[in-house]
Amino acid sequence: MKQLFAILIICMISITSNSQTLTKCNCCTQKHTEFDFWIGDWTVTNPNGSAAGTNIIEKVQDNCVLLENWTSATPGYTGTSNNFYNAAKKQWEQIWVDNQGGSLHLKENRIGNQMILKTDIAKNQNGEPFYHRVTWTKNDDGTVRQYWETITNNKDITVAFDGLYKKER
């Protein structure tokens, strides 16, 4: 009977140990929550108030990834991104892919109430250096502004997108 009791105790310790290993959250640090202000079901409008689209942002992969699912108000355009804090590089990253074959890889960090991510510098068709910078601003009223700029020659700025996110629920 004592042996059975000892085996039972060992099994309980093993189960408790395995349970703690399974429930450990590797992405539950403060850094991993810096972009949580973007989580939600959103209606997105252009600066003139017209519909830009809808966006659903949810936390997946055991709180390690913010998954974005964009549907444009312009029929036929959708996109998805994975957003994550890369602890090894100490930076946030976004990998965007859309249904038109477009993609972006953005990286950088949050500063104050803004997540500011940029692409690496590339060359445009004229051989000029350019990069994309996308800024998400957490507003006091619960909305989020996404402002996407294309910056050429480190000075010429073209606004690619300016959207205001309002939670649907």
Protein backbone atom coordinates (compact mmCIF):
# COMPACT_ATOMS: atom_id res chain seq x y z
CA MET A 1 0.00 0.00 0.00
CA LYS A 2 2.88 2.37 0.82
CA GLN A 3 4.36 1.68 -2.63
CA LEU A 4 1.05 2.47 -4.31
CA PHE A 5 0.81 5.71 -2.31
CA ALA A 6 4.39 6.64 -3.32
CA ILE A 7 3.63 5.97 -6.99
CA LEU A 8 0.49 8.07 -6.74
CA ILE A 9 2.46 10.99 -5.22
CA ILE A 10 5.12 10.74 -7.96
CA CYS A 11 2.41 10.72 -10.65
CA MET A 12 0.73 13.79 -9.12
CA ILE A 13 4.04 15.68 -9.02
CA SER A 14 4.69 14.73 -12.64
CA ILE A 15 1.22 15.84 -13.75
CA THR A 16 1.54 19.14 -11.85
CA SER A 17 4.97 19.76 -13.36
CA ASN A 18 3.73 19.02 -16.91
CA SER A 19 0.65 21.17 -16.36
CA GLN A 20 2.81 24.13 -15.32
CA THR A 21 4.97 23.65 -18.41
CA LEU A 22 1.91 23.60 -20.67
CA THR A 23 0.38 26.73 -19.14
CA LYS A 24 3.55 28.85 -19.18
CA CYS A 25 2.95 31.91 -21.34
CA ASN A 26 6.13 32.87 -23.20
CA CYS A 27 4.47 35.93 -24.73
CA CYS A 28 2.78 37.42 -21.67
CA THR A 29 5.41 40.06 -20.97
CA GLN A 30 4.73 43.78 -21.00
CA LYS A 31 6.61 44.11 -24.32
CA HIS A 32 4.30 41.51 -25.88
CA THR A 33 1.23 43.57 -24.94
CA GLU A 34 2.39 46.93 -26.36
CA PHE A 35 0.26 46.57 -29.51
CA ASP A 36 -2.84 45.21 -27.75
CA PHE A 37 -4.56 48.59 -28.21
CA TRP A 38 -5.17 47.48 -31.81
CA ILE A 39 -7.12 44.34 -30.83
CA GLY A 40 -10.80 44.43 -31.80
CA ASP A 41 -13.38 44.42 -34.57
CA TRP A 42 -13.01 47.75 -36.34
CA THR A 43 -14.79 49.91 -38.90
CA VAL A 44 -12.17 52.03 -40.68
CA THR A 45 -12.87 55.38 -42.34
CA ASN A 46 -10.86 57.67 -44.59
CA PRO A 47 -10.11 61.28 -43.52
CA ASN A 48 -13.22 62.46 -45.45
CA GLY A 49 -15.42 60.04 -43.46
CA SER A 50 -15.98 57.56 -46.28
CA ALA A 51 -15.66 53.85 -45.60
CA ALA A 52 -12.14 52.45 -46.00
CA GLY A 53 -12.97 48.92 -44.82
CA THR A 54 -13.19 46.65 -41.83
CA ASN A 55 -10.44 45.03 -39.83
CA ILE A 56 -10.44 42.26 -37.25
CA ILE A 57 -7.39 42.09 -34.98
CA GLU A 58 -7.13 39.17 -32.57
CA LYS A 59 -4.48 37.62 -30.39
CA VAL A 60 -3.55 34.07 -31.44
CA GLN A 61 -0.76 31.52 -30.97
CA ASP A 62 -0.88 31.58 -27.17
CA ASN A 63 -0.78 35.40 -27.07
CA CYS A 64 2.34 35.57 -29.27
CA VAL A 65 0.78 36.98 -32.46
CA LEU A 66 -1.69 39.70 -33.36
CA LEU A 67 -3.51 38.42 -36.44
CA GLU A 68 -4.99 41.07 -38.74
CA ASN A 69 -7.73 40.34 -41.28
CA TRP A 70 -8.44 43.37 -43.49
CA THR A 71 -11.36 43.72 -45.90
CA SER A 72 -11.35 46.86 -48.00
CA ALA A 73 -14.52 48.82 -48.79
CA THR A 74 -13.29 48.54 -52.38
CA PRO A 75 -14.58 45.10 -53.41
CA GLY A 76 -12.03 42.39 -54.00
CA TYR A 77 -9.16 43.62 -51.81
CA THR A 78 -8.21 41.79 -48.61
CA GLY A 79 -5.06 41.32 -46.61
CA THR A 80 -3.67 39.56 -43.58
CA SER A 81 -0.80 40.34 -41.28
CA ASN A 82 1.00 38.67 -38.42
CA ASN A 83 2.33 41.11 -35.82
CA PHE A 84 4.68 39.93 -33.10
CA TYR A 85 7.32 41.06 -30.68
CA ASN A 86 10.63 39.52 -31.72
CA ALA A 87 12.36 39.13 -28.34
CA ALA A 88 15.66 38.09 -29.92
CA LYS A 89 15.83 41.32 -31.95
CA LYS A 90 14.01 43.43 -29.32
CA GLN A 91 11.58 44.83 -31.89
CA TRP A 92 8.05 44.52 -33.17
CA GLU A 93 7.53 43.08 -36.64
CA GLN A 94 4.64 42.90 -39.06
CA ILE A 95 4.48 40.60 -42.06
CA TRP A 96 1.66 41.68 -44.40
CA VAL A 97 0.38 39.73 -47.41
CA ASP A 98 -2.63 40.67 -49.54
CA ASN A 99 -4.72 38.99 -52.20
CA GLN A 100 -3.08 41.07 -54.96
CA GLY A 101 0.37 39.57 -54.36
CA GLY A 102 1.61 42.50 -52.28
CA SER A 103 3.69 42.09 -49.15
CA LEU A 104 5.47 44.20 -46.56
CA HIS A 105 7.84 43.41 -43.72
CA LEU A 106 7.79 46.20 -41.15
CA LYS A 107 9.81 46.45 -37.95
CA GLU A 108 10.64 48.86 -35.09
CA ASN A 109 8.97 49.66 -31.75
CA ARG A 110 6.34 51.51 -29.77
CA ILE A 111 7.09 55.06 -28.67
CA GLY A 112 4.59 56.59 -26.25
CA ASN A 113 1.08 55.99 -27.60
CA GLN A 114 2.33 55.07 -31.09
CA MET A 115 3.52 51.86 -32.70
CA ILE A 116 5.88 52.98 -35.47
CA LEU A 117 7.06 50.30 -37.90
CA LYS A 118 9.19 50.72 -41.03
CA THR A 119 10.40 48.64 -43.94
CA ASP A 120 14.03 48.35 -44.90
CA ILE A 121 15.26 50.87 -47.47
CA ALA A 122 14.77 49.72 -51.07
CA LYS A 123 15.16 51.36 -54.50
CA ASN A 124 12.18 52.51 -56.56
CA GLN A 125 11.94 52.25 -60.36
CA ASN A 126 13.97 55.48 -60.66
CA GLY A 127 16.75 54.08 -58.49
CA GLU A 128 15.87 56.35 -55.56
CA PRO A 129 15.98 55.02 -51.99
CA PHE A 130 12.60 54.73 -50.25
CA TYR A 131 10.92 53.05 -47.31
CA HIS A 132 7.45 52.70 -45.84
CA ARG A 133 6.61 53.93 -42.34
CA VAL A 134 3.30 52.96 -40.74
CA THR A 135 2.23 54.58 -37.48
CA TRP A 136 -0.67 53.37 -35.33
CA THR A 137 -1.72 55.96 -32.75
CA LYS A 138 -3.75 54.98 -29.70
CA ASN A 139 -6.20 57.85 -29.20
CA ASP A 140 -7.73 58.81 -25.85
CA ASP A 141 -11.27 58.12 -27.14
CA GLY A 142 -10.45 54.45 -27.92
CA THR A 143 -10.01 54.95 -31.65
CA VAL A 144 -6.78 54.14 -33.46
CA ARG A 145 -5.32 56.09 -36.36
CA GLN A 146 -3.23 54.22 -38.92
CA TYR A 147 -1.04 56.52 -41.00
CA TRP A 148 1.08 54.97 -43.77
CA GLU A 149 3.76 57.04 -45.47
CA THR A 150 6.15 56.24 -48.31
CA ILE A 151 9.34 58.26 -47.83
CA THR A 152 11.64 58.77 -50.82
CA ASN A 153 15.15 60.24 -50.62
CA ASN A 154 14.59 60.50 -46.85
CA LYS A 155 12.51 63.67 -47.40
CA ASP A 156 9.70 63.31 -49.96
CA ILE A 157 6.61 61.91 -48.24
CA THR A 158 3.58 60.40 -49.94
CA VAL A 159 0.62 59.31 -47.81
CA ALA A 160 -0.39 55.80 -48.86
CA PHE A 161 -3.20 55.39 -46.28
CA ASP A 162 -4.78 57.39 -43.48
CA GLY A 163 -7.50 55.51 -41.63
CA LEU A 164 -9.41 56.00 -38.40
CA TYR A 165 -10.37 52.79 -36.60
CA LYS A 166 -13.59 52.75 -34.55
CA LYS A 167 -14.57 49.63 -32.60
CA GLU A 168 -17.69 47.89 -33.86
CA ARG A 169 -18.38 46.38 -30.45
